Amino acid sequence: MLDRATVAPRAHVEDLGTSPGPVIPEPVFGATDRLRGTIVGLVITLLAIITRFWDLTHPTDQGTPVFDEKHYVPQGWQVLQGGGLIEDNPAYGLVVHPPVGKWMLALSEGLFGYNPMGWRFIPAVSGVIVVLAIYLTVRRLTRSTLIGALAGLFALCDGVLFVQSRMGMLDIFQALFVVLAFAALIADRDQMRQRLDRVFRDGRINDSPFGPRFGFRWYRFTAGVMLGLAVGTKWSGLYFVVFFTLLSLGFDFAARRAYHVQRPLRGVLMRDLLPSAASLVVLPVGIYLATFATWFRSESSVYRYVVGTDIGTDGPFAWVPAALRSFWYYETGILKFHSGLTNAAGNHHPWESKPWSWPMALRPMLYAIDYGPDQCGGGDCIRAQMLLGTPALWWLALPMVGWGLWRMIFRLDWRYAAVLVGYAAAIVPWFGEIDRQMYFFYATVMAPFLVMGLALCCGDVLAAAGRGRASATRTLAVLAVAIYAGLVVANFAFAWPILTGAPISNELWNMQLWLPSWT
């Protein structure tokens, strides 16, 4: 039977804003089946551990890192060996990302040494947490353990999240911090509505035309911390600072309006704007700067003393401390490096891609390939690892976005609005620098919001069939969702060899390459 704890209800708390009278039904702020939810969460976590850690030490480039691991793994090791939490080897001419992701790699290498397990242990742990966080977040979004479990299953079987969880690169860390920030904002939304609900039922909602003050919001503060760590991993985390701040303010406006606050917009501007900016903008910027504390303290950090050695201390900014000017030189140098990686400047890569190809994973990336020495099917075995989004998931990205926009605009469905804000933050800003050299692994942080959106769509199928329809209709809906989930699992299993670099024959390798753009 499809009860409220199984299928997301049609009504959402926003609907309270259109209630004809003052009586507000008791809101539900989460799935009510805690025992079942806990068991499902444990099972999903166990499956994530098994898949992420299975044969984690392969592939390698003859025992050395593969692809962009070659940049970040040595930098993480140097951070560990230098003891200063920052790269201080002047031979590194490609220190173009903030330090947080490299701290994570340093932690991993500190546990297991400079070897494949050392490079990949903490990324794999991060990948497991991402899967669990997606399950818990969608369970809260939909008030449904079943839909949350579908989201967890899709995250388990997504090739992008899977491969990036098994690589000593930075992107899985950024995805981790972004997903945790998103989860915190969803929890904050529920908590603020609980506070408003108490005020409304106490008859105090009209004590001020702007509505009540919310007080300190620990979930929102947590989101700000996570956003700061995301920016401290890669600068593209700034996009989420902007989008998530707007999302939080949108939640506050909708909540005040839903509970009949007389002037909800003014209430947001008067009572929510500055605290939101403090938690979601100022705090992340402060955390980002704090991640460079060891850079300021070190005597040998990259460019630490560029002002005073390579650059004079005079000029119109002579009043600015030399340390800050050196830091500015360092940061602007990073910006120039990224800005200069354009196709117009002659920078090309055989596996680069543009953001319009990311939603459907039309241009994956080859991370590693090796031939032999063993035999597969009468010829040399091929060991290839590709960053490939599971087609059963990624090829439905555009329908998911279209359906989500329809639900958001015409049904005022806040769940799709939240997920699409995260999805947009991961891709829309990249269209502003389209000539820049880009790669599909930039889309790693898109993947969590893709699987969340697809899970919501499955929930809509089940919910629509469960509203007064014949039992045959409900059965067909359940069967359709079950078949789709099975197709996702089968697709992931089929792609397993090229996601893990397992040995396969040349014939099977050719069978894996479904599109000309995959070669």
Protein backbone atom coordinates (compact mmCIF):
# COMPACT_ATOMS: atom_id res chain seq x y z
CA MET A 1 0.00 0.00 0.00
CA LEU A 2 1.29 3.45 -0.89
CA ASP A 3 0.94 5.47 2.31
CA ARG A 4 2.19 8.95 3.16
CA ALA A 5 5.55 7.61 4.31
CA THR A 6 6.00 5.85 0.99
CA VAL A 7 4.89 8.35 -1.64
CA ALA A 8 5.36 12.11 -1.42
CA PRO A 9 2.05 13.90 -0.75
CA ARG A 10 0.62 16.19 -3.41
CA ALA A 11 0.07 19.03 -1.02
CA HIS A 12 3.05 21.03 0.11
CA VAL A 13 3.31 23.54 2.90
CA GLU A 14 3.32 26.39 0.36
CA ASP A 15 -0.29 25.53 -0.35
CA LEU A 16 -1.11 27.02 3.05
CA GLY A 17 -0.70 30.45 1.49
CA THR A 18 -3.87 29.89 -0.53
CA SER A 19 -5.94 28.48 2.33
CA PRO A 20 -9.35 30.23 2.38
CA GLY A 21 -9.50 30.51 6.17
CA PRO A 22 -7.23 30.89 9.15
CA VAL A 23 -7.20 27.20 10.03
CA ILE A 24 -3.94 25.59 8.95
CA PRO A 25 -3.56 21.82 8.82
CA GLU A 26 -0.76 20.31 10.88
CA PRO A 27 2.34 20.39 8.63
CA VAL A 28 4.53 17.35 8.11
CA PHE A 29 8.22 18.18 8.09
CA GLY A 30 9.75 14.79 7.38
CA ALA A 31 9.12 11.13 6.64
CA THR A 32 7.55 9.47 9.67
CA ASP A 33 8.92 5.95 9.26
CA ARG A 34 12.19 6.40 11.12
CA LEU A 35 13.02 2.72 11.63
CA ARG A 36 12.49 1.85 7.98
CA GLY A 37 14.34 4.99 6.95
CA THR A 38 17.31 4.06 9.11
CA ILE A 39 17.46 0.52 7.74
CA VAL A 40 17.25 1.74 4.15
CA GLY A 41 19.96 4.31 4.85
CA LEU A 42 22.26 1.64 6.27
CA VAL A 43 21.72 -0.60 3.25
CA ILE A 44 22.42 2.24 0.81
CA THR A 45 25.54 3.19 2.75
CA LEU A 46 26.79 -0.39 2.72
CA LEU A 47 26.26 -0.65 -1.04
CA ALA A 48 28.07 2.66 -1.50
CA ILE A 49 31.02 1.39 0.53
CA ILE A 50 31.22 -1.83 -1.47
CA THR A 51 31.07 -0.13 -4.87
CA ARG A 52 33.36 2.77 -4.05
CA PHE A 53 36.08 0.67 -2.42
CA TRP A 54 35.99 -2.35 -4.72
CA ASP A 55 39.44 -2.66 -6.36
CA LEU A 56 40.06 0.99 -5.48
CA THR A 57 43.78 0.85 -6.24
CA HIS A 58 43.21 0.35 -9.98
CA PRO A 59 43.78 1.70 -12.53
CA THR A 60 47.16 3.43 -12.36
CA ASP A 61 49.74 4.61 -14.85
CA GLN A 62 52.32 1.92 -14.06
CA GLY A 63 51.86 2.58 -10.37
CA THR A 64 51.62 6.36 -10.69
CA PRO A 65 48.54 8.62 -10.70
CA VAL A 66 46.34 8.88 -13.79
CA PHE A 67 44.99 11.94 -15.59
CA ASP A 68 44.64 15.01 -13.31
CA GLU A 69 45.61 12.96 -10.29
CA LYS A 70 49.11 13.77 -11.54
CA HIS A 71 48.58 17.39 -10.43
CA TYR A 72 46.73 17.05 -7.16
CA VAL A 73 48.18 13.87 -5.66
CA PRO A 74 51.77 15.22 -5.57
CA GLN A 75 50.50 18.55 -4.24
CA GLY A 76 48.62 16.78 -1.47
CA TRP A 77 51.74 14.81 -0.61
CA GLN A 78 53.84 17.97 -0.58
CA VAL A 79 51.30 19.61 1.74
CA LEU A 80 51.62 16.61 4.04
CA GLN A 81 55.39 16.49 3.97
CA GLY A 82 55.85 20.23 4.23
CA GLY A 83 53.81 20.37 7.41
CA GLY A 84 52.44 23.79 6.55
CA LEU A 85 49.07 22.80 5.03
CA ILE A 86 50.00 24.67 1.88
CA GLU A 87 52.18 24.00 -1.14
CA ASP A 88 55.54 25.63 -0.61
CA ASN A 89 57.51 24.03 -3.43
CA PRO A 90 58.35 26.73 -6.00
CA ALA A 91 58.65 24.02 -8.64
CA TYR A 92 54.86 23.79 -8.67
CA GLY A 93 53.91 26.17 -11.42
CA LEU A 94 50.34 24.87 -11.51
CA VAL A 95 49.06 25.71 -8.01
CA VAL A 96 45.78 27.04 -9.37
CA HIS A 97 43.22 25.81 -6.84
CA PRO A 98 42.64 26.65 -3.18
CA PRO A 99 43.99 24.27 -0.54
CA VAL A 100 40.98 22.47 0.98
CA GLY A 101 40.78 19.65 -1.59
CA LYS A 102 44.51 19.09 -1.29
CA TRP A 103 44.16 18.91 2.50
CA MET A 104 41.71 16.08 1.96
CA LEU A 105 44.19 14.28 -0.26
CA ALA A 106 46.95 14.93 2.27
CA LEU A 107 44.78 13.35 4.97
CA SER A 108 44.24 10.33 2.76
CA GLU A 109 47.93 9.99 1.98
CA GLY A 110 48.77 10.46 5.64
CA LEU A 111 46.66 7.41 6.44
CA PHE A 112 47.96 5.05 3.74
CA GLY A 113 51.04 6.64 2.23
CA TYR A 114 51.92 7.72 -1.29
CA ASN A 115 50.19 4.89 -3.13
CA PRO A 116 46.87 4.37 -4.91
CA MET A 117 44.99 3.59 -1.69
CA GLY A 118 46.51 6.70 -0.16
CA TRP A 119 45.41 8.85 -3.09
CA ARG A 120 41.87 7.52 -3.19
CA PHE A 121 40.72 6.53 0.29
CA ILE A 122 39.28 9.89 1.40
CA PRO A 123 37.74 10.54 -2.05
CA ALA A 124 35.97 7.18 -1.72
CA VAL A 125 34.77 8.05 1.78
CA SER A 126 33.52 11.37 0.42
CA GLY A 127 31.69 9.54 -2.35
CA VAL A 128 29.94 7.33 0.20
CA ILE A 129 28.85 10.37 2.21
CA VAL A 130 27.52 12.03 -0.96
CA VAL A 131 25.30 9.01 -1.68
CA LEU A 132 23.97 8.93 1.89
CA ALA A 133 23.40 12.69 1.93
CA ILE A 134 21.43 12.50 -1.32
CA TYR A 135 19.21 9.78 0.14
CA LEU A 136 18.57 11.73 3.34
CA THR A 137 17.98 15.01 1.51
CA VAL A 138 15.45 13.60 -0.94
CA ARG A 139 13.75 11.72 1.89
CA ARG A 140 13.29 15.07 3.61
CA LEU A 141 12.28 16.82 0.38
CA THR A 142 9.56 14.29 -0.41
CA ARG A 143 8.64 13.05 3.09
CA SER A 144 9.15 9.61 1.57
CA THR A 145 11.64 6.86 2.33
CA LEU A 146 10.85 5.16 -0.97
CA ILE A 147 11.66 8.21 -3.10
CA GLY A 148 14.73 8.90 -1.00
CA ALA A 149 15.84 5.31 -1.60
CA LEU A 150 15.38 5.77 -5.35
CA ALA A 151 17.58 8.87 -5.21
CA GLY A 152 20.18 6.92 -3.25
CA LEU A 153 20.03 4.10 -5.78
CA PHE A 154 20.46 6.51 -8.68
CA ALA A 155 23.43 8.13 -6.92
CA LEU A 156 24.94 4.68 -6.37
CA CYS A 157 24.62 3.88 -10.05
CA ASP A 158 25.70 7.18 -11.56
CA GLY A 159 28.97 6.76 -13.40
CA VAL A 160 30.16 10.32 -12.73
CA LEU A 161 29.76 10.16 -8.96
CA PHE A 162 31.17 6.64 -8.98
CA VAL A 163 34.33 7.36 -10.95
CA GLN A 164 35.08 10.67 -9.23
CA SER A 165 34.75 8.90 -5.88
CA ARG A 166 37.62 6.67 -6.94
CA MET A 167 40.01 9.38 -8.14
CA GLY A 168 42.54 11.53 -6.32
CA MET A 169 41.04 14.72 -7.74
CA LEU A 170 39.23 17.69 -6.22
CA ASP A 171 35.76 17.48 -7.74
CA ILE A 172 34.24 14.86 -5.42
CA PHE A 173 35.17 17.05 -2.45
CA GLN A 174 33.41 20.03 -3.94
CA ALA A 175 30.36 17.87 -4.66
CA LEU A 176 30.43 16.68 -1.05
CA PHE A 177 30.45 20.19 0.41
CA VAL A 178 27.78 21.44 -2.02
CA VAL A 179 25.43 18.54 -1.28
CA LEU A 180 25.89 19.02 2.48
CA ALA A 181 25.20 22.74 2.08
CA PHE A 182 22.04 21.95 0.12
CA ALA A 183 20.93 19.42 2.74
CA ALA A 184 21.46 22.00 5.48
CA LEU A 185 19.35 24.58 3.61
CA ILE A 186 16.50 22.10 3.21
CA ALA A 187 16.66 21.32 6.92
CA ASP A 188 16.75 25.04 7.68
CA ARG A 189 13.64 25.55 5.59
CA ASP A 190 11.76 22.93 7.60
CA GLN A 191 12.98 24.29 10.92
CA MET A 192 11.91 27.84 10.10
CA ARG A 193 8.46 26.64 9.10
CA GLN A 194 8.19 24.80 12.39
CA ARG A 195 8.99 28.04 14.21
CA LEU A 196 6.44 29.95 12.13
CA ASP A 197 3.88 27.24 12.76
CA ARG A 198 4.26 27.58 16.52
CA VAL A 199 3.93 31.35 16.29
CA PHE A 200 0.82 31.03 14.11
CA ARG A 201 -0.87 28.55 16.42
CA ASP A 202 -0.08 30.75 19.40
CA GLY A 203 -1.90 33.59 17.66
CA ARG A 204 1.20 35.80 17.45
CA ILE A 205 1.69 35.85 13.68
CA ASN A 206 0.32 39.39 13.40
CA ASP A 207 2.34 40.87 16.25
CA SER A 208 4.39 42.51 13.51
CA PRO A 209 3.42 43.11 9.86
CA PHE A 210 6.84 41.68 8.94
CA GLY A 211 6.32 38.44 10.82
CA PRO A 212 8.49 37.03 13.61
CA ARG A 213 12.25 37.01 13.79
CA PHE A 214 13.66 33.56 13.24
CA GLY A 215 16.59 33.78 15.64
CA PHE A 216 19.93 32.13 15.05
CA ARG A 217 19.76 29.43 12.37
CA TRP A 218 22.32 26.70 12.90
CA TYR A 219 21.40 24.81 9.74
CA ARG A 220 21.93 27.93 7.65
CA PHE A 221 25.20 28.56 9.45
CA THR A 222 26.24 24.99 8.62
CA ALA A 223 25.36 25.60 4.98
CA GLY A 224 27.63 28.65 5.02
CA VAL A 225 30.49 26.59 6.43
CA MET A 226 30.03 23.97 3.72
CA LEU A 227 29.91 26.64 1.02
CA GLY A 228 33.12 28.12 2.36
CA LEU A 229 34.79 24.72 2.08
CA ALA A 230 33.37 24.30 -1.44
CA VAL A 231 34.92 27.62 -2.50
CA GLY A 232 38.09 26.60 -0.69
CA THR A 233 38.22 23.53 -2.93
CA LYS A 234 37.51 25.17 -6.29
CA TRP A 235 36.49 28.70 -7.16
CA SER A 236 33.37 27.47 -8.94
CA GLY A 237 31.91 27.02 -5.46
CA LEU A 238 31.20 30.76 -5.64
CA TYR A 239 28.35 30.02 -8.02
CA PHE A 240 26.63 28.05 -5.30
CA VAL A 241 27.15 30.86 -2.80
CA VAL A 242 25.08 33.12 -5.04
CA PHE A 243 22.40 30.61 -6.03
CA PHE A 244 21.95 29.12 -2.55
CA THR A 245 21.68 32.56 -0.95
CA LEU A 246 18.84 33.40 -3.31
CA LEU A 247 17.27 29.99 -2.63
CA SER A 248 17.35 30.58 1.12
CA LEU A 249 15.74 34.00 0.75
CA GLY A 250 13.11 32.47 -1.52
CA PHE A 251 12.35 29.88 1.16
CA ASP A 252 11.93 32.63 3.75
CA PHE A 253 9.59 34.65 1.54
CA ALA A 254 7.45 31.61 0.75
CA ALA A 255 7.26 30.67 4.43
CA ARG A 256 6.20 34.13 5.56
CA ARG A 257 3.58 34.35 2.84
CA ALA A 258 2.29 30.84 3.55
CA TYR A 259 1.63 31.75 7.17
CA HIS A 260 -0.22 34.94 6.23
CA VAL A 261 2.42 37.44 7.29
CA GLN A 262 1.00 40.82 6.27
CA ARG A 263 4.10 42.06 4.43
CA PRO A 264 6.20 38.99 3.62
CA LEU A 265 8.57 40.62 1.13
CA ARG A 266 9.33 43.49 3.46
CA GLY A 267 9.75 40.95 6.23
CA VAL A 268 12.41 39.14 4.22
CA LEU A 269 14.21 42.39 3.43
CA MET A 270 14.03 43.66 6.99
CA ARG A 271 14.65 40.45 8.93
CA ASP A 272 16.22 37.83 6.70
CA LEU A 273 18.42 39.54 4.11
CA LEU A 274 21.32 40.63 6.32
CA PRO A 275 21.45 37.43 8.42
CA SER A 276 21.33 35.34 5.25
CA ALA A 277 24.13 37.37 3.70
CA ALA A 278 26.17 36.98 6.87
CA SER A 279 25.78 33.20 6.95
CA LEU A 280 25.82 32.40 3.25
CA VAL A 281 28.13 35.09 1.80
CA VAL A 282 30.33 36.67 4.45
CA LEU A 283 30.98 33.41 6.30
CA PRO A 284 32.05 31.45 3.18
CA VAL A 285 34.35 34.28 2.13
CA GLY A 286 35.83 34.35 5.62
CA ILE A 287 36.35 30.60 5.59
CA TYR A 288 37.99 30.82 2.18
CA LEU A 289 40.45 33.41 3.45
CA ALA A 290 41.04 31.37 6.60
CA THR A 291 42.13 28.39 4.49
CA PHE A 292 45.14 30.47 3.47
CA ALA A 293 46.23 31.21 7.04
CA THR A 294 49.14 28.81 6.69
CA TRP A 295 50.09 30.50 3.40
CA PHE A 296 50.53 33.77 5.27
CA ARG A 297 52.52 32.09 8.06
CA SER A 298 54.84 30.09 5.84
CA GLU A 299 58.21 31.47 4.79
CA SER A 300 58.25 29.48 1.56
CA SER A 301 54.65 29.48 0.26
CA VAL A 302 54.23 29.99 -3.47
CA TYR A 303 54.44 33.76 -4.18
CA ARG A 304 54.42 34.54 -0.44
CA TYR A 305 57.15 37.20 -0.80
CA VAL A 306 56.67 38.17 -4.43
CA VAL A 307 56.08 41.76 -3.28
CA GLY A 308 59.44 42.92 -2.08
CA THR A 309 61.41 40.51 -4.24
CA ASP A 310 60.05 40.29 -7.78
CA ILE A 311 57.72 43.28 -7.35
CA GLY A 312 58.60 46.55 -5.69
CA THR A 313 56.86 47.79 -2.57
CA ASP A 314 56.13 51.29 -3.89
CA GLY A 315 53.25 52.46 -6.06
CA PRO A 316 49.67 53.58 -5.37
CA PHE A 317 49.03 50.55 -3.16
CA ALA A 318 52.16 50.88 -1.08
CA TRP A 319 49.95 51.41 1.98
CA VAL A 320 48.59 47.85 1.66
CA PRO A 321 50.65 45.33 3.67
CA ALA A 322 53.08 43.41 1.47
CA ALA A 323 51.58 40.08 2.55
CA LEU A 324 48.13 41.08 1.28
CA ARG A 325 49.58 42.40 -1.97
CA SER A 326 51.46 39.14 -2.46
CA PHE A 327 48.23 37.24 -1.81
CA TRP A 328 46.43 39.43 -4.35
CA TYR A 329 49.20 38.73 -6.88
CA TYR A 330 48.82 35.00 -6.22
CA GLU A 331 45.02 35.05 -6.61
CA THR A 332 45.02 37.24 -9.73
CA GLY A 333 47.65 34.95 -11.22
CA ILE A 334 45.28 32.03 -10.74
CA LEU A 335 42.50 34.01 -12.41
CA LYS A 336 44.75 34.86 -15.35
CA PHE A 337 45.72 31.22 -15.71
CA HIS A 338 42.12 30.06 -15.90
CA SER A 339 41.06 32.98 -18.10
CA GLY A 340 43.88 32.26 -20.53
CA LEU A 341 42.86 28.65 -21.10
CA THR A 342 40.76 29.48 -24.14
CA ASN A 343 40.34 27.86 -27.50
CA ALA A 344 40.98 31.22 -29.15
CA ALA A 345 44.43 31.26 -27.54
CA GLY A 346 45.19 27.89 -29.13
CA ASN A 347 44.43 25.72 -26.08
CA HIS A 348 42.78 22.49 -27.15
CA HIS A 349 42.44 19.05 -25.64
CA PRO A 350 41.13 15.91 -27.35
CA TRP A 351 38.67 15.28 -24.51
CA GLU A 352 37.48 18.81 -23.81
CA SER A 353 33.76 19.57 -23.94
CA LYS A 354 31.37 22.48 -23.68
CA PRO A 355 28.58 22.83 -21.11
CA TRP A 356 25.79 22.25 -23.62
CA SER A 357 27.03 18.66 -23.93
CA TRP A 358 27.13 18.00 -20.18
CA PRO A 359 23.43 17.41 -19.38
CA MET A 360 23.35 14.28 -21.55
CA ALA A 361 27.02 13.34 -21.00
CA LEU A 362 27.66 13.53 -24.72
CA ARG A 363 31.42 13.96 -24.37
CA PRO A 364 32.82 11.79 -21.56
CA MET A 365 36.50 11.66 -20.63
CA LEU A 366 39.08 8.93 -21.00
CA TYR A 367 41.09 8.87 -17.78
CA ALA A 368 43.30 5.85 -18.42
CA ILE A 369 43.86 3.14 -21.03
CA ASP A 370 46.27 0.23 -21.24
CA TYR A 371 46.63 -2.86 -23.44
CA GLY A 372 47.73 -6.36 -22.43
CA PRO A 373 49.79 -8.15 -21.38
CA ASP A 374 47.03 -10.69 -20.69
CA GLN A 375 44.61 -11.96 -23.30
CA CYS A 376 40.87 -11.32 -23.59
CA GLY A 377 38.89 -12.95 -26.39
CA GLY A 378 41.97 -13.92 -28.39
CA GLY A 379 43.59 -10.47 -28.26
CA ASP A 380 45.22 -8.11 -25.83
CA CYS A 381 42.98 -7.05 -22.96
CA ILE A 382 41.96 -3.41 -22.83
CA ARG A 383 41.90 -1.63 -19.49
CA ALA A 384 40.16 1.69 -19.96
CA GLN A 385 38.61 4.01 -17.40
CA MET A 386 36.13 6.62 -18.62
CA LEU A 387 34.28 9.33 -16.78
CA LEU A 388 30.85 8.51 -18.16
CA GLY A 389 27.43 9.49 -16.86
CA THR A 390 25.11 6.49 -16.76
CA PRO A 391 23.01 7.00 -19.91
CA ALA A 392 19.81 5.76 -18.26
CA LEU A 393 20.14 8.73 -15.94
CA TRP A 394 21.87 11.46 -17.91
CA TRP A 395 19.90 11.01 -21.13
CA LEU A 396 16.76 11.98 -19.21
CA ALA A 397 18.27 15.22 -17.92
CA LEU A 398 16.39 17.51 -20.31
CA PRO A 399 12.98 15.89 -19.71
CA MET A 400 13.66 16.13 -15.97
CA VAL A 401 14.47 19.83 -16.25
CA GLY A 402 11.41 20.46 -18.43
CA TRP A 403 9.07 18.64 -16.07
CA GLY A 404 10.68 20.32 -13.08
CA LEU A 405 10.19 23.77 -14.59
CA TRP A 406 6.54 22.99 -15.30
CA ARG A 407 5.99 21.80 -11.74
CA MET A 408 7.83 24.79 -10.34
CA ILE A 409 6.02 27.42 -12.43
CA PHE A 410 2.49 26.03 -12.69
CA ARG A 411 2.26 23.96 -9.49
CA LEU A 412 4.53 26.09 -7.31
CA ASP A 413 6.39 22.93 -6.35
CA TRP A 414 9.21 24.09 -4.06
CA ARG A 415 11.02 20.73 -4.26
CA TYR A 416 11.76 21.08 -7.96
CA ALA A 417 12.61 24.75 -7.46
CA ALA A 418 15.27 23.80 -4.92
CA VAL A 419 16.75 21.01 -7.02
CA LEU A 420 16.78 23.09 -10.20
CA VAL A 421 18.54 25.95 -8.41
CA GLY A 422 21.35 23.55 -7.51
CA TYR A 423 21.41 22.12 -11.02
CA ALA A 424 21.50 25.59 -12.56
CA ALA A 425 24.34 26.71 -10.27
CA ALA A 426 26.38 23.78 -11.55
CA ILE A 427 26.02 24.55 -15.26
CA VAL A 428 24.54 27.96 -16.14
CA PRO A 429 27.55 30.14 -15.13
CA TRP A 430 29.84 28.15 -17.42
CA PHE A 431 28.00 29.50 -20.45
CA GLY A 432 29.38 32.92 -19.58
CA GLU A 433 32.91 31.87 -20.59
CA ILE A 434 32.15 29.51 -23.42
CA ASP A 435 35.52 29.90 -25.17
CA ARG A 436 37.30 28.55 -22.10
CA GLN A 437 38.77 25.07 -22.18
CA MET A 438 36.37 22.87 -20.21
CA TYR A 439 35.97 19.21 -19.36
CA PHE A 440 33.15 16.89 -18.41
CA PHE A 441 34.48 16.38 -14.88
CA TYR A 442 33.35 19.96 -14.21
CA ALA A 443 29.85 18.44 -14.28
CA THR A 444 30.55 16.28 -11.22
CA VAL A 445 28.60 18.67 -9.01
CA MET A 446 25.64 18.52 -11.42
CA ALA A 447 25.17 14.82 -10.81
CA PRO A 448 23.63 15.01 -7.31
CA PHE A 449 20.91 17.38 -8.49
CA LEU A 450 20.26 15.28 -11.58
CA VAL A 451 19.56 12.15 -9.53
CA MET A 452 17.47 14.15 -7.05
CA GLY A 453 15.34 15.52 -9.87
CA LEU A 454 14.86 12.11 -11.45
CA ALA A 455 13.81 10.67 -8.10
CA LEU A 456 11.23 13.46 -7.75
CA CYS A 457 9.87 12.57 -11.19
CA CYS A 458 9.50 8.94 -10.15
CA GLY A 459 7.70 10.12 -7.04
CA ASP A 460 5.27 12.10 -9.19
CA VAL A 461 4.51 9.01 -11.25
CA LEU A 462 3.70 7.02 -8.12
CA ALA A 463 1.75 9.85 -6.49
CA ALA A 464 -0.37 10.52 -9.60
CA ALA A 465 -1.31 6.86 -9.88
CA GLY A 466 -2.17 6.67 -6.19
CA ARG A 467 -4.77 9.46 -6.14
CA GLY A 468 -8.08 7.74 -6.49
CA ARG A 469 -7.04 5.68 -9.50
CA ALA A 470 -7.85 2.05 -10.17
CA SER A 471 -5.57 -0.56 -8.68
CA ALA A 472 -4.41 -1.51 -12.17
CA THR A 473 -3.18 2.06 -12.75
CA ARG A 474 -1.31 2.04 -9.47
CA THR A 475 0.24 -1.30 -10.35
CA LEU A 476 1.37 -0.01 -13.73
CA ALA A 477 2.93 3.06 -12.12
CA VAL A 478 4.84 0.98 -9.60
CA LEU A 479 5.90 -1.39 -12.37
CA ALA A 480 7.09 1.49 -14.57
CA VAL A 481 9.21 2.98 -11.80
CA ALA A 482 10.57 -0.45 -10.85
CA ILE A 483 11.50 -1.19 -14.47
CA TYR A 484 13.24 2.17 -14.79
CA ALA A 485 15.19 1.61 -11.57
CA GLY A 486 16.18 -1.84 -12.82
CA LEU A 487 17.29 -0.33 -16.13
CA VAL A 488 19.52 2.15 -14.28
CA VAL A 489 21.13 -0.68 -12.29
CA ALA A 490 21.60 -2.81 -15.43
CA ASN A 491 23.12 0.13 -17.30
CA PHE A 492 25.56 0.74 -14.45
CA ALA A 493 26.49 -2.94 -14.31
CA PHE A 494 27.09 -3.03 -18.06
CA ALA A 495 29.34 0.03 -17.89
CA TRP A 496 31.23 -1.26 -14.84
CA PRO A 497 34.32 -2.41 -16.80
CA ILE A 498 34.97 1.00 -18.34
CA LEU A 499 34.17 2.80 -15.09
CA THR A 500 36.73 0.76 -13.14
CA GLY A 501 39.37 -0.04 -15.77
CA ALA A 502 38.65 -3.78 -15.63
CA PRO A 503 40.19 -5.92 -18.40
CA ILE A 504 37.85 -6.47 -21.34
CA SER A 505 38.16 -7.66 -24.90
CA ASN A 506 38.32 -5.33 -27.87
CA GLU A 507 34.83 -6.44 -28.90
CA LEU A 508 33.35 -5.55 -25.51
CA TRP A 509 35.23 -2.25 -25.53
CA ASN A 510 33.60 -1.34 -28.86
CA MET A 511 30.20 -2.33 -27.47
CA GLN A 512 30.69 0.17 -24.65
CA LEU A 513 31.17 3.11 -27.02
CA TRP A 514 27.57 3.95 -27.84
CA LEU A 515 28.08 7.33 -29.51
CA PRO A 516 30.73 8.66 -31.93
CA SER A 517 31.41 11.46 -29.43
CA TRP A 518 32.51 8.87 -26.87
CA THR A 519 35.65 8.06 -28.86
